[in-house]
Protein backbone atom coordinates (compact mmCIF):
# COMPACT_ATOMS: atom_id res chain seq x y z
CA MET A 1 -0.06 -0.05 0.12
CA SER A 2 1.42 3.30 -1.13
CA PRO A 3 2.39 5.58 1.93
CA ASN A 4 0.38 8.75 2.38
CA GLU A 5 1.68 11.94 4.00
CA TYR A 6 -1.49 12.29 5.86
CA ILE A 7 -2.44 8.79 6.91
CA THR A 8 -0.87 5.83 8.74
CA LEU A 9 -2.63 2.58 9.66
CA GLU A 10 -2.70 1.66 13.24
CA PRO A 11 -4.24 -1.13 15.32
CA HIS A 12 -7.91 -0.75 16.29
CA ARG A 13 -9.71 -2.52 19.32
CA THR A 14 -12.48 -3.84 17.15
CA ALA A 15 -11.93 -3.11 13.53
CA ARG A 16 -9.06 -4.52 11.35
CA ASN A 17 -7.04 -1.35 11.49
CA LYS A 18 -7.85 2.39 11.69
CA ALA A 19 -6.53 5.26 9.61
CA ALA A 20 -4.81 7.72 11.96
CA ALA A 21 -3.62 11.21 11.16
CA ARG A 22 0.18 11.16 10.59
CA VAL A 23 0.28 15.02 10.89
CA PRO A 24 -2.24 17.68 11.95
CA ILE A 25 -4.86 18.15 9.25
CA LYS A 26 -6.65 21.32 8.46
CA SER A 27 -10.27 21.52 7.66
CA GLY A 28 -10.71 21.42 3.82
CA ASP A 29 -7.58 19.45 3.19
CA VAL A 30 -7.97 16.70 0.60
CA ILE A 31 -6.16 13.79 2.40
CA LEU A 32 -6.51 11.07 -0.25
CA SER A 33 -7.41 10.71 -3.89
CA ASP A 34 -8.31 7.18 -4.95
CA SER A 35 -9.13 6.20 -8.60
CA ALA A 36 -12.05 3.89 -9.29
CA LEU A 37 -11.17 0.29 -10.03
CA VAL A 38 -14.56 -0.16 -11.63
CA THR A 39 -17.91 1.87 -11.71
CA ALA A 40 -21.30 1.15 -12.99
CA LEU A 41 -24.01 3.75 -13.78
CA PHE A 42 -27.60 3.58 -12.40
CA PRO A 43 -29.91 2.21 -15.18
CA ALA A 44 -31.58 5.60 -15.39
CA GLU A 45 -28.19 7.22 -16.20
CA LYS A 46 -27.26 4.96 -19.10
CA GLY A 47 -26.97 6.97 -22.25
CA ARG A 48 -26.92 10.17 -20.44
CA ARG A 49 -23.40 9.93 -19.17
CA CYS A 50 -20.13 8.40 -20.53
CA ASP A 51 -19.93 4.76 -19.18
CA TYR A 52 -16.15 5.30 -18.76
CA CYS A 53 -15.56 8.74 -17.35
CA HIS A 54 -19.06 9.71 -16.34
CA HIS A 55 -18.95 13.04 -18.24
CA LEU A 56 -22.39 14.56 -18.83
CA PRO A 57 -22.53 16.16 -22.16
CA ARG A 58 -23.68 19.80 -22.51
CA GLY A 59 -24.93 21.88 -25.44
CA ARG A 60 -24.24 20.24 -28.72
CA ASP A 61 -22.07 17.53 -27.35
CA ARG A 62 -23.29 13.95 -27.84
CA LEU A 63 -22.20 10.52 -26.64
CA LEU A 64 -21.40 7.82 -29.05
CA LYS A 65 -22.71 4.26 -28.51
CA CYS A 66 -20.69 1.00 -28.73
CA SER A 67 -21.40 -0.51 -32.21
CA GLY A 68 -21.18 -4.00 -30.70
CA CYS A 69 -23.85 -3.81 -27.97
CA ALA A 70 -25.42 -0.38 -28.49
CA ALA A 71 -25.80 -0.33 -24.65
CA PHE A 72 -22.63 1.51 -23.61
CA TRP A 73 -22.00 5.17 -24.41
CA TYR A 74 -18.75 7.14 -24.56
CA CYS A 75 -17.57 10.60 -24.93
CA GLY A 76 -15.45 9.45 -27.96
CA VAL A 77 -12.89 6.85 -29.11
CA SER A 78 -10.47 7.67 -26.21
CA CYS A 79 -12.99 6.63 -23.54
CA GLN A 80 -14.20 3.49 -25.45
CA ARG A 81 -10.70 2.29 -25.98
CA LYS A 82 -9.78 2.72 -22.19
CA GLN A 83 -12.74 0.64 -21.21
CA TRP A 84 -12.46 -1.93 -24.09
CA ARG A 85 -10.10 -4.30 -22.37
CA THR A 86 -12.86 -5.13 -20.00
CA HIS A 87 -16.01 -4.29 -21.95
CA LYS A 88 -14.99 -6.58 -24.82
CA LYS A 89 -15.51 -9.61 -22.30
CA ILE A 90 -19.13 -8.79 -21.94
CA CYS A 91 -20.10 -6.67 -25.00
CA LYS A 92 -21.70 -9.45 -27.09
CA GLN A 93 -23.61 -10.97 -24.18
CA TYR A 94 -24.77 -7.86 -22.52
CA ASN A 95 -28.17 -7.34 -24.07
CA ALA A 96 -29.16 -10.85 -23.50
CA TYR A 97 -28.00 -10.52 -20.00
CA THR A 98 -30.07 -7.37 -19.16
CA ALA A 99 -33.10 -8.84 -20.90
CA SER A 100 -32.91 -11.96 -18.64
CA SER A 101 -35.46 -12.70 -15.97
CA GLU A 102 -32.59 -12.92 -13.44
CA TYR A 103 -31.56 -9.36 -14.11
CA GLN A 104 -35.02 -7.96 -14.68
CA THR A 105 -36.37 -9.22 -11.24
CA LEU A 106 -33.68 -7.13 -9.50
CA ASP A 107 -34.39 -3.41 -8.25
CA SER A 108 -32.29 -0.49 -9.62
CA ARG A 109 -29.70 -0.72 -6.85
CA GLU A 110 -29.22 -4.47 -7.36
CA GLN A 111 -29.08 -4.07 -11.14
CA THR A 112 -26.30 -1.59 -10.68
CA ASP A 113 -24.44 -3.96 -8.41
CA ALA A 114 -24.85 -6.82 -10.76
CA VAL A 115 -23.34 -4.66 -13.62
CA LEU A 116 -20.58 -3.66 -11.29
CA LEU A 117 -19.91 -7.31 -10.53
CA SER A 118 -19.72 -7.95 -14.26
CA HIS A 119 -17.26 -5.17 -14.73
CA LEU A 120 -15.09 -6.10 -11.80
CA LEU A 121 -15.03 -9.78 -12.84
CA ALA A 122 -13.99 -8.81 -16.37
CA GLN A 123 -11.26 -6.60 -14.97
CA VAL A 124 -9.64 -9.32 -12.73
CA HIS A 125 -10.25 -12.54 -14.68
CA PRO A 126 -8.27 -13.46 -16.44
CA PRO A 127 -5.46 -11.12 -15.30
CA ASP A 128 -4.40 -8.66 -17.93
CA SER A 129 -0.71 -8.60 -18.46
CA LYS A 130 -1.04 -5.25 -20.16
CA SER A 131 -2.48 -3.55 -17.08
CA GLY A 132 -0.38 -0.75 -15.66
CA PRO A 133 1.08 -0.88 -12.04
CA GLU A 134 -1.67 1.36 -10.69
CA SER A 135 -4.33 -1.03 -11.81
CA LYS A 136 -2.45 -4.03 -10.63
CA ASP A 137 -1.94 -2.40 -7.22
CA ALA A 138 -5.67 -1.53 -6.97
CA ILE A 139 -6.51 -5.21 -7.67
CA ARG A 140 -4.08 -6.33 -5.10
CA ILE A 141 -5.62 -4.08 -2.42
CA PHE A 142 -9.06 -5.12 -3.62
CA PHE A 143 -8.34 -8.70 -2.83
CA ASP A 144 -6.83 -7.65 0.62
CA LEU A 145 -10.36 -6.48 1.65
CA LEU A 146 -12.09 -8.65 4.12
CA LYS A 147 -15.00 -10.71 2.94
CA GLY A 148 -18.43 -9.77 3.97
CA SER A 149 -19.72 -11.35 7.12
CA SER A 150 -23.46 -11.62 6.45
CA PRO A 151 -24.29 -15.34 5.75
CA GLY A 152 -26.61 -16.52 3.00
CA ILE A 153 -26.21 -13.57 0.66
CA ASN A 154 -25.68 -14.68 -2.87
CA ASN A 155 -23.96 -12.64 -5.46
CA PRO A 156 -26.24 -11.18 -8.12
CA PRO A 157 -26.28 -12.58 -11.72
CA PHE A 158 -23.35 -11.49 -13.74
CA CYS A 159 -22.59 -11.05 -17.55
CA GLY A 160 -19.90 -13.27 -18.88
CA ASP A 161 -18.73 -16.91 -18.97
CA ARG A 162 -20.71 -19.06 -16.63
CA ASP A 163 -18.36 -22.18 -16.21
CA PRO A 164 -18.10 -23.23 -12.58
CA ASN A 165 -14.72 -21.87 -12.01
CA ILE A 166 -15.87 -18.28 -13.04
CA SER A 167 -18.91 -18.55 -10.80
CA GLN A 168 -16.66 -19.41 -7.80
CA ILE A 169 -14.40 -16.47 -8.59
CA ALA A 170 -17.56 -14.20 -8.98
CA GLY A 171 -18.71 -15.30 -5.42
CA ASP A 172 -15.26 -14.49 -3.99
CA ILE A 173 -15.31 -11.10 -5.59
CA TYR A 174 -18.83 -10.19 -4.51
CA SER A 175 -18.06 -11.23 -0.97
CA ARG A 176 -15.37 -8.52 -0.91
CA PHE A 177 -17.09 -5.61 -2.90
CA GLY A 178 -20.76 -6.24 -1.69
CA ASN A 179 -19.89 -4.49 1.42
CA ASN A 180 -17.05 -2.22 0.17
CA ASN A 181 -18.58 -0.43 -2.89
CA PHE A 182 -19.42 3.32 -2.69
CA VAL A 183 -22.28 5.33 -3.99
CA VAL A 184 -20.82 7.84 -6.51
CA HIS A 185 -22.52 11.24 -6.49
CA SER A 186 -22.34 14.57 -8.29
CA HIS A 187 -23.54 17.66 -6.33
CA LEU A 188 -24.45 15.12 -3.67
CA THR A 189 -26.94 13.50 -5.95
CA ALA A 190 -26.19 9.65 -6.49
CA TYR A 191 -25.87 8.44 -10.06
CA ALA A 192 -23.54 5.27 -9.84
CA HIS A 193 -21.71 2.69 -7.70
CA GLY A 194 -17.94 2.26 -7.75
CA VAL A 195 -15.15 0.15 -6.18
CA PHE A 196 -12.34 2.27 -4.63
CA PRO A 197 -10.14 -0.26 -3.01
CA LEU A 198 -7.58 2.00 -1.08
CA ALA A 199 -10.44 4.15 0.48
CA SER A 200 -12.24 0.82 1.45
CA ARG A 201 -9.00 -0.52 2.99
CA LEU A 202 -8.12 2.69 4.99
CA PHE A 203 -11.27 4.27 6.50
CA ASN A 204 -13.65 3.02 9.24
CA HIS A 205 -17.25 4.45 9.48
CA SER A 206 -18.68 7.00 11.81
CA CYS A 207 -21.98 8.54 11.89
CA TYR A 208 -20.29 11.60 13.20
CA PRO A 209 -17.21 11.63 11.03
CA ASN A 210 -14.41 14.09 10.54
CA CYS A 211 -14.11 13.54 6.82
CA VAL A 212 -16.52 13.15 3.76
CA VAL A 213 -15.87 11.95 0.22
CA LYS A 214 -16.62 13.71 -2.92
CA TYR A 215 -16.03 12.58 -6.68
CA THR A 216 -14.15 14.23 -9.37
CA ILE A 217 -15.36 13.73 -12.95
CA THR A 218 -12.55 14.53 -15.58
CA PRO A 219 -13.58 13.91 -19.12
CA GLN A 220 -11.59 11.09 -20.75
CA ASP A 221 -10.20 10.09 -17.39
CA GLY A 222 -11.46 7.66 -14.68
CA VAL A 223 -13.73 8.90 -11.85
CA ALA A 224 -11.65 9.57 -8.61
CA MET A 225 -12.84 9.71 -5.02
CA ASN A 226 -11.32 12.51 -2.86
CA VAL A 227 -11.57 12.30 0.97
CA VAL A 228 -11.95 15.85 2.51
CA ALA A 229 -11.45 16.91 6.09
CA ILE A 230 -14.47 18.85 7.35
CA ARG A 231 -12.82 19.99 10.53
CA SER A 232 -9.33 20.11 12.00
CA ILE A 233 -7.91 16.61 12.82
CA ALA A 234 -5.22 16.26 15.58
CA TYR A 235 -2.10 14.15 15.22
CA GLY A 236 -3.00 10.49 15.93
CA GLU A 237 -6.69 10.94 15.72
CA GLU A 238 -8.73 8.31 13.76
CA ILE A 239 -9.83 9.52 10.37
CA THR A 240 -13.45 8.43 9.62
CA VAL A 241 -15.99 8.76 6.85
CA PRO A 242 -19.64 7.91 6.82
CA TYR A 243 -20.80 4.76 4.98
CA LEU A 244 -24.42 5.97 4.97
CA ASP A 245 -26.38 9.11 5.66
CA PRO A 246 -26.12 10.06 9.27
CA ALA A 247 -29.63 11.65 9.20
CA LEU A 248 -31.25 8.15 8.72
CA PRO A 249 -33.10 7.00 11.87
CA LEU A 250 -31.04 5.15 14.32
CA GLU A 251 -32.64 1.73 13.84
CA THR A 252 -32.46 2.07 10.11
CA ARG A 253 -28.61 2.90 10.39
CA MET A 254 -28.03 0.11 12.71
CA ASN A 255 -29.85 -2.40 10.63
CA ALA A 256 -28.09 -1.28 7.51
CA LEU A 257 -24.63 -1.30 8.98
CA ARG A 258 -25.11 -4.85 10.59
CA MET A 259 -26.64 -6.19 7.29
CA ASN A 260 -24.07 -4.75 4.89
CA TYR A 261 -21.02 -4.32 6.91
CA GLY A 262 -21.26 -6.71 9.84
CA PHE A 263 -20.87 -4.26 12.79
CA SER A 264 -22.73 -2.24 15.18
CA CYS A 265 -21.80 1.46 15.30
CA THR A 266 -20.86 2.93 18.67
CA CYS A 267 -20.05 6.52 17.44
CA PRO A 268 -21.10 9.47 19.59
CA LEU A 269 -24.23 10.06 17.64
CA CYS A 270 -25.50 6.41 17.84
CA THR A 271 -24.48 6.29 21.52
CA PHE A 272 -26.50 9.36 22.34
CA GLN A 273 -29.66 8.33 20.15
CA GLY A 274 -29.56 4.89 21.64
CA ARG A 275 -29.41 5.71 25.33
CA PRO A 276 -32.22 4.45 27.61
CA GLY A 277 -34.99 6.82 28.29
CA LEU A 278 -35.12 8.72 25.01
CA THR A 279 -38.77 9.25 23.79
CA LYS A 280 -39.51 6.76 21.02
CA SER A 281 -42.97 7.85 19.86
CA LEU A 282 -43.64 10.71 17.41
CA PRO A 283 -45.06 13.73 18.96
CA LEU A 284 -48.66 14.67 18.31
CA ALA A 285 -49.25 17.23 15.54
CA SER A 286 -50.52 19.64 18.15
CA GLU A 287 -47.18 19.39 20.05
CA LEU A 288 -44.80 19.72 17.08
CA GLY A 289 -45.00 23.58 16.72
CA ALA A 290 -43.77 24.09 20.29
CA LEU A 291 -41.12 21.37 19.92
CA GLU A 292 -39.74 22.86 16.82
CA ASP A 293 -39.60 26.35 18.40
CA VAL A 294 -37.60 24.81 21.26
CA LEU A 295 -35.21 23.08 18.66
CA ARG A 296 -34.62 26.31 16.65
CA LYS A 297 -34.02 28.39 19.76
CA TYR A 298 -31.57 25.83 21.20
CA VAL A 299 -29.51 25.42 18.09
CA GLU A 300 -29.53 29.23 17.30
CA SER A 301 -28.59 30.06 20.89
CA ARG A 302 -25.50 27.75 20.62
CA SER A 303 -24.65 29.17 17.31
CA SER A 304 -24.54 32.69 18.77
CA ASP A 305 -22.25 31.38 21.44
CA ASN A 306 -19.82 30.28 18.56
CA GLN A 307 -20.23 26.51 19.52
CA PHE A 308 -20.98 25.54 16.04
CA ASN A 309 -17.78 27.17 14.63
CA VAL A 310 -16.27 25.91 11.49
CA ASP A 311 -13.93 23.40 13.30
CA SER A 312 -15.96 22.40 16.14
CA ASN A 313 -15.62 18.91 17.53
CA ARG A 314 -18.08 19.48 20.39
CA HIS A 315 -21.11 17.28 20.00
CA PRO A 316 -24.18 19.63 19.43
CA TRP A 317 -26.59 17.41 21.51
CA ALA A 318 -24.55 18.03 24.77
CA GLY A 319 -27.14 19.68 27.07
CA ILE A 320 -30.03 19.18 24.71
CA PRO A 321 -33.44 20.00 26.17
CA ASN A 322 -35.13 16.76 27.53
CA GLN A 323 -38.10 16.95 25.06
CA LEU A 324 -36.16 17.32 21.80
CA PRO A 325 -35.08 13.64 21.31
CA ALA A 326 -38.78 12.94 20.42
CA LEU A 327 -37.87 14.56 17.03
CA PHE A 328 -35.54 11.66 16.39
CA HIS A 329 -38.50 9.52 15.54
CA GLU A 330 -38.08 7.92 12.12
CA ALA A 331 -41.24 9.51 10.61
CA TYR A 332 -40.37 13.06 11.57
CA LEU A 333 -37.34 14.16 9.32
CA PRO A 334 -38.93 12.73 5.99
CA GLN A 335 -42.12 14.68 6.79
CA LEU A 336 -40.33 17.87 7.55
CA ALA A 337 -38.07 17.55 4.47
CA GLU A 338 -41.11 16.84 2.21
CA THR A 339 -42.94 20.00 3.58
CA PHE A 340 -39.89 22.20 2.74
CA SER A 341 -39.29 20.65 -0.68
CA ARG A 342 -43.00 20.77 -1.65
CA THR A 343 -43.52 24.39 -0.59
CA SER A 344 -40.27 25.84 -1.93
CA HIS A 345 -41.12 24.50 -5.34
CA GLU A 346 -44.86 25.25 -5.27
CA GLY A 347 -44.08 28.91 -4.30
CA ASP A 348 -45.37 28.92 -0.69
CA TYR A 349 -42.21 30.53 0.36
CA GLY A 350 -43.35 31.69 3.84
CA THR A 351 -44.15 28.14 4.88
CA ALA A 352 -40.91 26.92 3.03
CA LEU A 353 -38.78 29.25 5.08
CA ASP A 354 -40.44 28.30 8.37
CA SER A 355 -39.92 24.59 7.66
CA GLY A 356 -36.54 25.09 6.09
CA ARG A 357 -35.34 26.92 9.21
CA THR A 358 -36.50 24.02 11.41
CA LEU A 359 -34.67 21.61 9.07
CA ALA A 360 -31.51 23.55 9.34
CA ALA A 361 -31.69 23.30 13.03
CA TYR A 362 -32.36 19.53 12.94
CA TYR A 363 -29.32 19.01 10.45
CA ALA A 364 -27.20 21.02 12.94
CA LEU A 365 -28.04 18.52 15.62
CA ILE A 366 -27.32 15.45 13.47
CA TYR A 367 -24.49 16.50 11.16
CA PRO A 368 -21.06 17.64 12.23
CA SER A 369 -20.04 21.11 11.47
CA ASN A 370 -19.26 21.66 7.73
CA TYR A 371 -20.98 18.49 6.66
CA PRO A 372 -21.94 19.22 2.99
CA GLN A 373 -25.60 18.58 3.32
CA ILE A 374 -25.75 21.51 5.66
CA GLY A 375 -24.34 23.68 2.93
CA MET A 376 -26.73 22.36 0.29
CA HIS A 377 -29.73 22.99 2.54
CA ALA A 378 -28.40 26.51 3.40
CA LEU A 379 -28.16 27.20 -0.30
CA GLU A 380 -31.69 26.06 -0.88
CA LEU A 381 -32.89 28.30 2.07
CA ALA A 382 -31.03 31.24 0.50
CA LYS A 383 -32.54 30.62 -2.82
CA THR A 384 -36.06 30.28 -1.20
CA ALA A 385 -35.59 33.64 0.84
CA TRP A 386 -34.61 35.36 -2.46
CA ASN A 387 -37.60 33.91 -4.29
CA TYR A 388 -39.82 35.11 -1.51
CA VAL A 389 -38.45 38.72 -1.75
CA VAL A 390 -38.86 38.78 -5.58
CA SER A 391 -42.48 37.43 -5.33
CA GLN A 392 -43.38 39.94 -2.65
CA GLU A 393 -41.86 42.85 -4.65
CA MET A 394 -43.81 41.84 -7.72
CA SER A 395 -47.12 41.77 -5.59
CA SER A 396 -46.19 44.80 -3.49
CA THR A 397 -48.07 43.34 -0.50
CA SER A 398 -45.32 43.24 2.11
CA PRO A 399 -43.82 46.19 4.00
CA SER A 400 -40.15 47.05 2.89
CA SER A 401 -39.01 46.36 6.53
CA GLU A 402 -40.03 42.66 6.29
CA MET A 403 -38.46 42.27 2.91
CA GLY A 404 -35.20 43.67 4.38
CA ASP A 405 -35.43 41.08 7.18
CA VAL A 406 -35.87 38.18 4.69
CA GLU A 407 -33.16 39.56 2.36
CA ALA A 408 -30.83 39.58 5.38
CA CYS A 409 -31.76 35.92 6.20
CA ALA A 410 -30.93 35.12 2.59
CA ARG A 411 -27.47 36.63 2.98
CA GLU A 412 -26.97 34.70 6.30
CA TYR A 413 -27.92 31.43 4.66
CA LEU A 414 -25.71 32.12 1.62
CA ALA A 415 -22.78 32.89 3.95
CA LEU A 416 -23.30 29.54 5.70
CA SER A 417 -23.57 27.68 2.33
CA ARG A 418 -20.50 29.39 1.01
CA GLN A 419 -18.48 28.56 4.23
CA VAL A 420 -19.38 24.81 3.91
CA LEU A 421 -19.38 24.14 0.27
CA GLU A 422 -16.24 26.11 -0.57
CA ARG A 423 -14.55 24.01 2.03
CA PHE A 424 -15.87 20.84 0.45
CA GLY A 425 -14.86 22.06 -3.01
CA PRO A 426 -16.12 21.37 -6.54
CA GLU A 427 -17.69 17.88 -6.95
CA GLY A 428 -18.93 15.85 -9.89
CA ASP A 429 -20.40 17.84 -12.96
CA GLU A 430 -19.52 21.31 -14.00
CA ASP A 431 -21.10 24.29 -12.43
CA GLY A 432 -23.36 23.07 -9.60
CA PRO A 433 -23.61 24.61 -6.04
CA LEU A 434 -20.60 26.93 -6.23
CA GLU A 435 -21.83 28.58 -9.48
CA GLU A 436 -25.21 29.05 -7.93
CA ILE A 437 -23.60 30.68 -4.85
CA ARG A 438 -21.77 33.07 -7.19
CA VAL A 439 -24.87 34.01 -9.08
CA LEU A 440 -26.87 34.49 -5.82
CA ARG A 441 -24.04 36.60 -4.35
CA GLU A 442 -24.31 38.91 -7.34
CA LEU A 443 -28.17 39.14 -6.96
CA LEU A 444 -27.87 39.86 -3.17
CA GLN A 445 -24.94 42.15 -3.76
CA CYS A 446 -22.83 40.43 -1.11
């Protein structure tokens, strides 16, 4: 395994190893860049993105389809040639494979993993003597990953030769990548799965991590994962990333981690949410308004005390009012997020700002400082506040003082979004949130 200036592997009391900081790390540092061994687009993305580099054409650019199967699409000859060493092993069989009942009965996520397994099998068997040293090193690290511990899970159907030896190899491969693949996203919207062996080998999970991952899409080049520090990390401290969304309900997270990864999480967030005595039932609708007011005031008072600063490592639930854990009920967050999304898109901006403010406070309880979803939501709130100002100015129904207050809120939300997302950096496709921030800053003259 190649040495890294930021990371060293050390023993761990329950996991195989832990990645520890070799030196002090600053918030915003990219501490690792790992190229994908293989990737597979979601079925809905096929034909929209290049199957090799994931580039999303713009303007008059068009993808070219493989003349052999007409099911894989590329930016051009360069991308097709780079993937041909593996694609040629499944090209002629691919359409029959995706039309088979075995494949068709799978859901979208399972279909993506089935294609990912096919790509990976084609990549490693038989070994390609023409592969470069980086590819060989990635394959070696992949086979150093531990097999999954969940019994009775069969690998999905794969495209390619079906002789018994190949089937055995496929089972061995799936046992390693089934719990080690990553969801690839652009602007935090998932569009593919990928295998990044070095990242899988190095980083343990935490629902309250100090790092997050982002993906770099470079036309005619492979997709890369970058691991970014979201706060300062001390020398010797373990470096962790989230394997799933920390905002998922505790029971959902625990079940997913046990099923997919074979462990139970004991991070600070899981320990807090799982402690005895926390309210398990969803509050009545008549109680929600008062609870949400307590939530907003609690989070905003802590923010004014600078306890949610950009490098804060203090857990935001320390000293949380006794009634607030009731909002951790699994039904509450989806309901709140749906209300904000619906009203912000339908033009009920007053309701959207109210629910969005509550959602921002909830995220501040769940996510660590500078978690990218905080920045994305703050940007949506800034856009909603701006839309509210514009709509009211057009109707001339609100006093200028109220519009000034809302416009000030828009600037505050935009500043928070900029603080988080500029630290996270560009991700995925061109433009995106950072370009939206630039445009909105011009509109708000800030």
